[in-house]
Amino acid sequence: MEAVLADLSISISEFKKNPADVLRRADNRAVAVLSHNKTAFYMVPPAVMEALLEELEDTDLARIARERLTSRGKAIAVDIDELERAARAKVSA
């Protein structure tokens, strides 16, 4: 049995009749669109999609940070003011 990861679901046949109406009735909630009683795809509002992508990005950044923490021994000391001056010098050159 397959889990449906949305509070709302609709058959693909019904969805194809009037997708805009399905979107309106969903009221900013995700909708599972089913084909032969299996999830074919999810229709999600832009805000939900943005939140999902942001969460994925945060998860990826956390993974990168953990990896970098394990290599702290390779770190070098830097002076932020010196880096800023060098960057400005490159831009003006």
PDB file of N, CA and C in Angstrom:
ATOM      1  N   MET A   1       0.843  -1.187   0.000  1.00  0.00           N
ATOM      2  CA  MET A   1       0.000   0.000   0.000  1.00  0.00           C
ATOM      3  C   MET A   1       0.888   1.250   0.000  1.00  0.00           C
ATOM      4  N   GLU A   2       0.518   2.218  -0.772  1.00  0.00           N
ATOM      5  CA  GLU A   2       1.293   3.450  -0.922  1.00  0.00           C
ATOM      6  C   GLU A   2       0.693   4.568  -0.072  1.00  0.00           C
ATOM      7  N   ALA A   3       1.551   5.304   0.617  1.00  0.00           N
ATOM      8  CA  ALA A   3       1.091   6.431   1.422  1.00  0.00           C
ATOM      9  C   ALA A   3       0.775   7.614   0.516  1.00  0.00           C
ATOM     10  N   VAL A   4      -0.290   8.317   0.833  1.00  0.00           N
ATOM     11  CA  VAL A   4      -0.642   9.556   0.145  1.00  0.00           C
ATOM     12  C   VAL A   4      -0.249  10.685   1.084  1.00  0.00           C
ATOM     13  N   LEU A   5       0.702  11.494   0.648  1.00  0.00           N
ATOM     14  CA  LEU A   5       1.283  12.511   1.514  1.00  0.00           C
ATOM     15  C   LEU A   5       0.610  13.866   1.331  1.00  0.00           C
ATOM     16  N   ALA A   6      -0.705  13.860   1.360  1.00  0.00           N
ATOM     17  CA  ALA A   6      -1.486  15.099   1.267  1.00  0.00           C
ATOM     18  C   ALA A   6      -2.838  14.845   1.926  1.00  0.00           C
ATOM     19  N   ASP A   7      -3.426  15.908   2.436  1.00  0.00           N
ATOM     20  CA  ASP A   7      -4.745  15.779   3.059  1.00  0.00           C
ATOM     21  C   ASP A   7      -5.850  15.629   2.018  1.00  0.00           C
ATOM     22  N   LEU A   8      -5.581  16.097   0.814  1.00  0.00           N
ATOM     23  CA  LEU A   8      -6.579  16.059  -0.249  1.00  0.00           C
ATOM     24  C   LEU A   8      -6.084  15.192  -1.396  1.00  0.00           C
ATOM     25  N   SER A   9      -7.027  14.538  -2.068  1.00  0.00           N
ATOM     26  CA  SER A   9      -6.658  13.761  -3.253  1.00  0.00           C
ATOM     27  C   SER A   9      -7.787  13.837  -4.268  1.00  0.00           C
ATOM     28  N   ILE A  10      -7.424  13.615  -5.529  1.00  0.00           N
ATOM     29  CA  ILE A  10      -8.399  13.657  -6.623  1.00  0.00           C
ATOM     30  C   ILE A  10      -7.883  12.735  -7.720  1.00  0.00           C
ATOM     31  N   SER A  11      -8.806  12.161  -8.471  1.00  0.00           N
ATOM     32  CA  SER A  11      -8.381  11.317  -9.596  1.00  0.00           C
ATOM     33  C   SER A  11      -7.833  12.214 -10.704  1.00  0.00           C
ATOM     34  N   ILE A  12      -6.966  11.644 -11.494  1.00  0.00           N
ATOM     35  CA  ILE A  12      -6.387  12.420 -12.585  1.00  0.00           C
ATOM     36  C   ILE A  12      -7.464  12.809 -13.600  1.00  0.00           C
ATOM     37  N   SER A  13      -8.471  11.972 -13.764  1.00  0.00           N
ATOM     38  CA  SER A  13      -9.572  12.287 -14.681  1.00  0.00           C
ATOM     39  C   SER A  13     -10.311  13.535 -14.225  1.00  0.00           C
ATOM     40  N   GLU A  14     -10.622  13.589 -12.940  1.00  0.00           N
ATOM     41  CA  GLU A  14     -11.301  14.775 -12.397  1.00  0.00           C
ATOM     42  C   GLU A  14     -10.397  15.998 -12.450  1.00  0.00           C
ATOM     43  N   PHE A  15      -9.121  15.801 -12.169  1.00  0.00           N
ATOM     44  CA  PHE A  15      -8.170  16.913 -12.196  1.00  0.00           C
ATOM     45  C   PHE A  15      -8.097  17.526 -13.593  1.00  0.00           C
ATOM     46  N   LYS A  16      -8.045  16.684 -14.628  1.00  0.00           N
ATOM     47  CA  LYS A  16      -7.915  17.173 -16.005  1.00  0.00           C
ATOM     48  C   LYS A  16      -9.140  17.973 -16.453  1.00  0.00           C
ATOM     49  N   LYS A  17     -10.298  17.714 -15.863  1.00  0.00           N
ATOM     50  CA  LYS A  17     -11.516  18.441 -16.240  1.00  0.00           C
ATOM     51  C   LYS A  17     -11.405  19.927 -15.921  1.00  0.00           C
ATOM     52  N   ASN A  18     -10.809  20.249 -14.763  1.00  0.00           N
ATOM     53  CA  ASN A  18     -10.725  21.661 -14.376  1.00  0.00           C
ATOM     54  C   ASN A  18      -9.629  21.864 -13.325  1.00  0.00           C
ATOM     55  N   PRO A  19      -8.355  21.872 -13.745  1.00  0.00           N
ATOM     56  CA  PRO A  19      -7.248  22.037 -12.791  1.00  0.00           C
ATOM     57  C   PRO A  19      -7.344  23.326 -11.975  1.00  0.00           C
ATOM     58  N   ALA A  20      -7.805  24.410 -12.588  1.00  0.00           N
ATOM     59  CA  ALA A  20      -7.911  25.687 -11.867  1.00  0.00           C
ATOM     60  C   ALA A  20      -8.906  25.581 -10.715  1.00  0.00           C
ATOM     61  N   ASP A  21      -9.991  24.845 -10.923  1.00  0.00           N
ATOM     62  CA  ASP A  21     -10.978  24.669  -9.859  1.00  0.00           C
ATOM     63  C   ASP A  21     -10.401  23.837  -8.716  1.00  0.00           C
ATOM     64  N   VAL A  22      -9.624  22.822  -9.063  1.00  0.00           N
ATOM     65  CA  VAL A  22      -8.976  21.998  -8.028  1.00  0.00           C
ATOM     66  C   VAL A  22      -8.039  22.869  -7.200  1.00  0.00           C
ATOM     67  N   LEU A  23      -7.265  23.699  -7.875  1.00  0.00           N
ATOM     68  CA  LEU A  23      -6.350  24.608  -7.185  1.00  0.00           C
ATOM     69  C   LEU A  23      -7.116  25.543  -6.250  1.00  0.00           C
ATOM     70  N   ARG A  24      -8.211  26.102  -6.732  1.00  0.00           N
ATOM     71  CA  ARG A  24      -9.007  27.025  -5.920  1.00  0.00           C
ATOM     72  C   ARG A  24      -9.586  26.315  -4.701  1.00  0.00           C
ATOM     73  N   ARG A  25     -10.155  25.141  -4.910  1.00  0.00           N
ATOM     74  CA  ARG A  25     -10.788  24.404  -3.803  1.00  0.00           C
ATOM     75  C   ARG A  25      -9.766  23.876  -2.799  1.00  0.00           C
ATOM     76  N   ALA A  26      -8.539  23.684  -3.235  1.00  0.00           N
ATOM     77  CA  ALA A  26      -7.501  23.170  -2.331  1.00  0.00           C
ATOM     78  C   ALA A  26      -7.150  24.193  -1.265  1.00  0.00           C
ATOM     79  N   ASP A  27      -7.396  25.467  -1.541  1.00  0.00           N
ATOM     80  CA  ASP A  27      -7.188  26.523  -0.548  1.00  0.00           C
ATOM     81  C   ASP A  27      -5.783  26.478   0.057  1.00  0.00           C
ATOM     82  N   ASN A  28      -4.782  26.558  -0.823  1.00  0.00           N
ATOM     83  CA  ASN A  28      -3.367  26.581  -0.417  1.00  0.00           C
ATOM     84  C   ASN A  28      -2.891  25.311   0.282  1.00  0.00           C
ATOM     85  N   ARG A  29      -3.498  24.193  -0.049  1.00  0.00           N
ATOM     86  CA  ARG A  29      -3.052  22.907   0.481  1.00  0.00           C
ATOM     87  C   ARG A  29      -2.591  22.015  -0.667  1.00  0.00           C
ATOM     88  N   ALA A  30      -1.728  21.080  -0.345  1.00  0.00           N
ATOM     89  CA  ALA A  30      -1.249  20.136  -1.353  1.00  0.00           C
ATOM     90  C   ALA A  30      -2.364  19.159  -1.716  1.00  0.00           C
ATOM     91  N   VAL A  31      -2.366  18.739  -2.979  1.00  0.00           N
ATOM     92  CA  VAL A  31      -3.357  17.781  -3.465  1.00  0.00           C
ATOM     93  C   VAL A  31      -2.613  16.637  -4.147  1.00  0.00           C
ATOM     94  N   ALA A  32      -2.936  15.409  -3.758  1.00  0.00           N
ATOM     95  CA  ALA A  32      -2.388  14.236  -4.427  1.00  0.00           C
ATOM     96  C   ALA A  32      -3.292  13.922  -5.617  1.00  0.00           C
ATOM     97  N   VAL A  33      -2.698  13.841  -6.795  1.00  0.00           N
ATOM     98  CA  VAL A  33      -3.461  13.498  -7.998  1.00  0.00           C
ATOM     99  C   VAL A  33      -3.191  12.019  -8.284  1.00  0.00           C
ATOM    100  N   LEU A  34      -4.274  11.241  -8.299  1.00  0.00           N
ATOM    101  CA  LEU A  34      -4.158   9.784  -8.372  1.00  0.00           C
ATOM    102  C   LEU A  34      -4.468   9.244  -9.763  1.00  0.00           C
ATOM    103  N   SER A  35      -3.701   8.252 -10.150  1.00  0.00           N
ATOM    104  CA  SER A  35      -3.948   7.504 -11.370  1.00  0.00           C
ATOM    105  C   SER A  35      -4.024   6.033 -10.984  1.00  0.00           C
ATOM    106  N   HIS A  36      -5.160   5.434 -11.231  1.00  0.00           N
ATOM    107  CA  HIS A  36      -5.397   4.035 -10.836  1.00  0.00           C
ATOM    108  C   HIS A  36      -5.134   3.845  -9.343  1.00  0.00           C
ATOM    109  N   ASN A  37      -5.625   4.791  -8.559  1.00  0.00           N
ATOM    110  CA  ASN A  37      -5.522   4.774  -7.087  1.00  0.00           C
ATOM    111  C   ASN A  37      -4.097   4.814  -6.559  1.00  0.00           C
ATOM    112  N   LYS A  38      -3.163   5.284  -7.374  1.00  0.00           N
ATOM    113  CA  LYS A  38      -1.780   5.493  -6.930  1.00  0.00           C
ATOM    114  C   LYS A  38      -1.418   6.936  -7.217  1.00  0.00           C
ATOM    115  N   THR A  39      -0.606   7.515  -6.359  1.00  0.00           N
ATOM    116  CA  THR A  39      -0.230   8.904  -6.550  1.00  0.00           C
ATOM    117  C   THR A  39       0.578   9.065  -7.826  1.00  0.00           C
ATOM    118  N   ALA A  40       0.081   9.920  -8.722  1.00  0.00           N
ATOM    119  CA  ALA A  40       0.790  10.219  -9.964  1.00  0.00           C
ATOM    120  C   ALA A  40       1.684  11.433  -9.754  1.00  0.00           C
ATOM    121  N   PHE A  41       1.153  12.431  -9.043  1.00  0.00           N
ATOM    122  CA  PHE A  41       1.928  13.627  -8.716  1.00  0.00           C
ATOM    123  C   PHE A  41       1.189  14.418  -7.645  1.00  0.00           C
ATOM    124  N   TYR A  42       1.884  15.395  -7.105  1.00  0.00           N
ATOM    125  CA  TYR A  42       1.300  16.295  -6.128  1.00  0.00           C
ATOM    126  C   TYR A  42       1.203  17.687  -6.726  1.00  0.00           C
ATOM    127  N   MET A  43       0.084  18.324  -6.539  1.00  0.00           N
ATOM    128  CA  MET A  43      -0.075  19.721  -6.910  1.00  0.00           C
ATOM    129  C   MET A  43       0.109  20.511  -5.614  1.00  0.00           C
ATOM    130  N   VAL A  44       1.095  21.398  -5.619  1.00  0.00           N
ATOM    131  CA  VAL A  44       1.348  22.195  -4.413  1.00  0.00           C
ATOM    132  C   VAL A  44       1.357  23.677  -4.771  1.00  0.00           C
ATOM    133  N   PRO A  45       0.845  24.517  -3.874  1.00  0.00           N
ATOM    134  CA  PRO A  45       0.869  25.958  -4.114  1.00  0.00           C
ATOM    135  C   PRO A  45       2.308  26.475  -4.096  1.00  0.00           C
ATOM    136  N   PRO A  46       2.569  27.616  -4.726  1.00  0.00           N
ATOM    137  CA  PRO A  46       3.922  28.169  -4.763  1.00  0.00           C
ATOM    138  C   PRO A  46       4.560  28.321  -3.380  1.00  0.00           C
ATOM    139  N   ALA A  47       3.808  28.753  -2.392  1.00  0.00           N
ATOM    140  CA  ALA A  47       4.379  28.947  -1.050  1.00  0.00           C
ATOM    141  C   ALA A  47       4.875  27.624  -0.464  1.00  0.00           C
ATOM    142  N   VAL A  48       4.147  26.550  -0.713  1.00  0.00           N
ATOM    143  CA  VAL A  48       4.555  25.234  -0.218  1.00  0.00           C
ATOM    144  C   VAL A  48       5.814  24.772  -0.957  1.00  0.00           C
ATOM    145  N   MET A  49       5.845  24.978  -2.258  1.00  0.00           N
ATOM    146  CA  MET A  49       7.023  24.594  -3.045  1.00  0.00           C
ATOM    147  C   MET A  49       8.252  25.367  -2.582  1.00  0.00           C
ATOM    148  N   GLU A  50       8.096  26.665  -2.361  1.00  0.00           N
ATOM    149  CA  GLU A  50       9.208  27.489  -1.888  1.00  0.00           C
ATOM    150  C   GLU A  50       9.707  26.995  -0.531  1.00  0.00           C
ATOM    151  N   ALA A  51       8.778  26.661   0.364  1.00  0.00           N
ATOM    152  CA  ALA A  51       9.165  26.167   1.686  1.00  0.00           C
ATOM    153  C   ALA A  51       9.902  24.836   1.571  1.00  0.00           C
ATOM    154  N   LEU A  52       9.433  23.956   0.693  1.00  0.00           N
ATOM    155  CA  LEU A  52      10.102  22.664   0.494  1.00  0.00           C
ATOM    156  C   LEU A  52      11.522  22.855  -0.031  1.00  0.00           C
ATOM    157  N   LEU A  53      11.676  23.726  -1.025  1.00  0.00           N
ATOM    158  CA  LEU A  53      13.003  23.971  -1.589  1.00  0.00           C
ATOM    159  C   LEU A  53      13.927  24.618  -0.573  1.00  0.00           C
ATOM    160  N   GLU A  54      13.393  25.522   0.237  1.00  0.00           N
ATOM    161  CA  GLU A  54      14.202  26.156   1.280  1.00  0.00           C
ATOM    162  C   GLU A  54      14.659  25.128   2.308  1.00  0.00           C
ATOM    163  N   GLU A  55      13.774  24.223   2.684  1.00  0.00           N
ATOM    164  CA  GLU A  55      14.117  23.171   3.645  1.00  0.00           C
ATOM    165  C   GLU A  55      15.205  22.260   3.073  1.00  0.00           C
ATOM    166  N   LEU A  56      15.090  21.908   1.796  1.00  0.00           N
ATOM    167  CA  LEU A  56      16.121  21.086   1.158  1.00  0.00           C
ATOM    168  C   LEU A  56      17.464  21.804   1.135  1.00  0.00           C
ATOM    169  N   GLU A  57      17.435  23.093   0.829  1.00  0.00           N
ATOM    170  CA  GLU A  57      18.670  23.874   0.808  1.00  0.00           C
ATOM    171  C   GLU A  57      19.289  23.952   2.206  1.00  0.00           C
ATOM    172  N   ASP A  58      18.452  24.179   3.225  1.00  0.00           N
ATOM    173  CA  ASP A  58      18.953  24.230   4.598  1.00  0.00           C
ATOM    174  C   ASP A  58      19.581  22.907   5.008  1.00  0.00           C
ATOM    175  N   THR A  59      18.953  21.804   4.619  1.00  0.00           N
ATOM    176  CA  THR A  59      19.479  20.481   4.938  1.00  0.00           C
ATOM    177  C   THR A  59      20.833  20.272   4.269  1.00  0.00           C
ATOM    178  N   ASP A  60      20.940  20.703   3.020  1.00  0.00           N
ATOM    179  CA  ASP A  60      22.199  20.567   2.291  1.00  0.00           C
ATOM    180  C   ASP A  60      23.284  21.434   2.930  1.00  0.00           C
ATOM    181  N   LEU A  61      22.937  22.664   3.304  1.00  0.00           N
ATOM    182  CA  LEU A  61      23.919  23.546   3.949  1.00  0.00           C
ATOM    183  C   LEU A  61      24.374  22.983   5.299  1.00  0.00           C
ATOM    184  N   ALA A  62      23.463  22.384   6.037  1.00  0.00           N
ATOM    185  CA  ALA A  62      23.829  21.766   7.317  1.00  0.00           C
ATOM    186  C   ALA A  62      24.804  20.617   7.105  1.00  0.00           C
ATOM    187  N   ARG A  63      24.569  19.827   6.053  1.00  0.00           N
ATOM    188  CA  ARG A  63      25.479  18.719   5.727  1.00  0.00           C
ATOM    189  C   ARG A  63      26.864  19.255   5.384  1.00  0.00           C
ATOM    190  N   ILE A  64      26.923  20.306   4.578  1.00  0.00           N
ATOM    191  CA  ILE A  64      28.201  20.912   4.200  1.00  0.00           C
ATOM    192  C   ILE A  64      28.913  21.445   5.438  1.00  0.00           C
ATOM    193  N   ALA A  65      28.174  22.104   6.329  1.00  0.00           N
ATOM    194  CA  ALA A  65      28.777  22.649   7.548  1.00  0.00           C
ATOM    195  C   ALA A  65      29.356  21.532   8.413  1.00  0.00           C
ATOM    196  N   ARG A  66      28.616  20.418   8.551  1.00  0.00           N
ATOM    197  CA  ARG A  66      29.123  19.284   9.346  1.00  0.00           C
ATOM    198  C   ARG A  66      30.402  18.730   8.729  1.00  0.00           C
ATOM    199  N   GLU A  67      30.428  18.603   7.413  1.00  0.00           N
ATOM    200  CA  GLU A  67      31.629  18.106   6.732  1.00  0.00           C
ATOM    201  C   GLU A  67      32.810  19.035   6.974  1.00  0.00           C
ATOM    202  N   ARG A  68      32.564  20.318   6.898  1.00  0.00           N
ATOM    203  CA  ARG A  68      33.645  21.282   7.073  1.00  0.00           C
ATOM    204  C   ARG A  68      34.140  21.326   8.515  1.00  0.00           C
ATOM    205  N   LEU A  69      33.256  21.065   9.465  1.00  0.00           N
ATOM    206  CA  LEU A  69      33.680  21.040  10.868  1.00  0.00           C
ATOM    207  C   LEU A  69      34.671  19.906  11.126  1.00  0.00           C
ATOM    208  N   THR A  70      34.557  18.837  10.359  1.00  0.00           N
ATOM    209  CA  THR A  70      35.483  17.715  10.556  1.00  0.00           C
ATOM    210  C   THR A  70      36.877  18.031  10.020  1.00  0.00           C
ATOM    211  N   SER A  71      36.991  19.077   9.204  1.00  0.00           N
ATOM    212  CA  SER A  71      38.303  19.420   8.649  1.00  0.00           C
ATOM    213  C   SER A  71      38.809  20.758   9.192  1.00  0.00           C
ATOM    214  N   ARG A  72      38.442  21.075  10.425  1.00  0.00           N
ATOM    215  CA  ARG A  72      38.867  22.338  11.029  1.00  0.00           C
ATOM    216  C   ARG A  72      40.372  22.440  11.155  1.00  0.00           C
ATOM    217  N   GLY A  73      41.064  21.316  11.224  1.00  0.00           N
ATOM    218  CA  GLY A  73      42.522  21.328  11.344  1.00  0.00           C
ATOM    219  C   GLY A  73      43.204  21.936  10.123  1.00  0.00           C
ATOM    220  N   LYS A  74      42.514  21.948   8.995  1.00  0.00           N
ATOM    221  CA  LYS A  74      43.066  22.515   7.768  1.00  0.00           C
ATOM    222  C   LYS A  74      42.775  24.009   7.635  1.00  0.00           C
ATOM    223  N   ALA A  75      42.027  24.562   8.585  1.00  0.00           N
ATOM    224  CA  ALA A  75      41.621  25.971   8.501  1.00  0.00           C
ATOM    225  C   ALA A  75      42.823  26.890   8.699  1.00  0.00           C
ATOM    226  N   ILE A  76      42.738  28.053   8.082  1.00  0.00           N
ATOM    227  CA  ILE A  76      43.782  29.070   8.260  1.00  0.00           C
ATOM    228  C   ILE A  76      43.140  30.324   8.845  1.00  0.00           C
ATOM    229  N   ALA A  77      43.905  31.061   9.627  1.00  0.00           N
ATOM    230  CA  ALA A  77      43.400  32.285  10.229  1.00  0.00           C
ATOM    231  C   ALA A  77      43.389  33.391   9.173  1.00  0.00           C
ATOM    232  N   VAL A  78      42.328  34.180   9.161  1.00  0.00           N
ATOM    233  CA  VAL A  78      42.228  35.301   8.232  1.00  0.00           C
ATOM    234  C   VAL A  78      41.742  36.538   8.977  1.00  0.00           C
ATOM    235  N   ASP A  79      42.064  37.680   8.415  1.00  0.00           N
ATOM    236  CA  ASP A  79      41.603  38.960   8.951  1.00  0.00           C
ATOM    237  C   ASP A  79      40.531  39.468   7.985  1.00  0.00           C
ATOM    238  N   ILE A  80      39.303  39.598   8.459  1.00  0.00           N
ATOM    239  CA  ILE A  80      38.206  39.985   7.585  1.00  0.00           C
ATOM    240  C   ILE A  80      38.447  41.354   6.951  1.00  0.00           C
ATOM    241  N   ASP A  81      39.050  42.264   7.696  1.00  0.00           N
ATOM    242  CA  ASP A  81      39.340  43.594   7.144  1.00  0.00           C
ATOM    243  C   ASP A  81      40.343  43.501   5.997  1.00  0.00           C
ATOM    244  N   GLU A  82      41.341  42.634   6.160  1.00  0.00           N
ATOM    245  CA  GLU A  82      42.337  42.448   5.113  1.00  0.00           C
ATOM    246  C   GLU A  82      41.691  41.849   3.859  1.00  0.00           C
ATOM    247  N   LEU A  83      40.804  40.890   4.040  1.00  0.00           N
ATOM    248  CA  LEU A  83      40.097  40.294   2.907  1.00  0.00           C
ATOM    249  C   LEU A  83      39.243  41.336   2.188  1.00  0.00           C
ATOM    250  N   GLU A  84      38.585  42.184   2.970  1.00  0.00           N
ATOM    251  CA  GLU A  84      37.761  43.233   2.389  1.00  0.00           C
ATOM    252  C   GLU A  84      38.595  44.216   1.572  1.00  0.00           C
ATOM    253  N   ARG A  85      39.723  44.611   2.128  1.00  0.00           N
ATOM    254  CA  ARG A  85      40.606  45.529   1.394  1.00  0.00           C
ATOM    255  C   ARG A  85      41.095  44.894   0.088  1.00  0.00           C
ATOM    256  N   ALA A  86      41.483  43.647   0.150  1.00  0.00           N
ATOM    257  CA  ALA A  86      41.958  42.947  -1.041  1.00  0.00           C
ATOM    258  C   ALA A  86      40.851  42.858  -2.098  1.00  0.00           C
ATOM    259  N   ALA A  87      39.642  42.587  -1.665  1.00  0.00           N
ATOM    260  CA  ALA A  87      38.528  42.492  -2.599  1.00  0.00           C
ATOM    261  C   ALA A  87      38.254  43.835  -3.256  1.00  0.00           C
ATOM    262  N   ARG A  88      38.283  44.900  -2.471  1.00  0.00           N
ATOM    263  CA  ARG A  88      38.063  46.245  -3.022  1.00  0.00           C
ATOM    264  C   ARG A  88      39.181  46.623  -4.009  1.00  0.00           C
ATOM    265  N   ALA A  89      40.403  46.227  -3.692  1.00  0.00           N
ATOM    266  CA  ALA A  89      41.530  46.525  -4.577  1.00  0.00           C
ATOM    267  C   ALA A  89      41.361  45.820  -5.926  1.00  0.00           C
ATOM    268  N   LYS A  90      40.855  44.580  -5.902  1.00  0.00           N
ATOM    269  CA  LYS A  90      40.640  43.831  -7.134  1.00  0.00           C
ATOM    270  C   LYS A  90      39.551  44.479  -7.982  1.00  0.00           C
ATOM    271  N   VAL A  91      38.504  44.967  -7.320  1.00  0.00           N
ATOM    272  CA  VAL A  91      37.386  45.570  -8.032  1.00  0.00           C
ATOM    273  C   VAL A  91      37.816  46.876  -8.705  1.00  0.00           C
ATOM    274  N   SER A  92      38.627  47.653  -8.013  1.00  0.00           N
ATOM    275  CA  SER A  92      39.036  48.953  -8.557  1.00  0.00           C
ATOM    276  C   SER A  92      40.183  48.842  -9.552  1.00  0.00           C
ATOM    277  N   ALA A  93      40.818  47.669  -9.650  1.00  0.00           N
ATOM    278  CA  ALA A  93      41.971  47.499 -10.582  1.00  0.00           C
ATOM    279  C   ALA A  93      41.512  47.275 -11.993  1.00  0.00           C
TER     280      ALA A  93
END
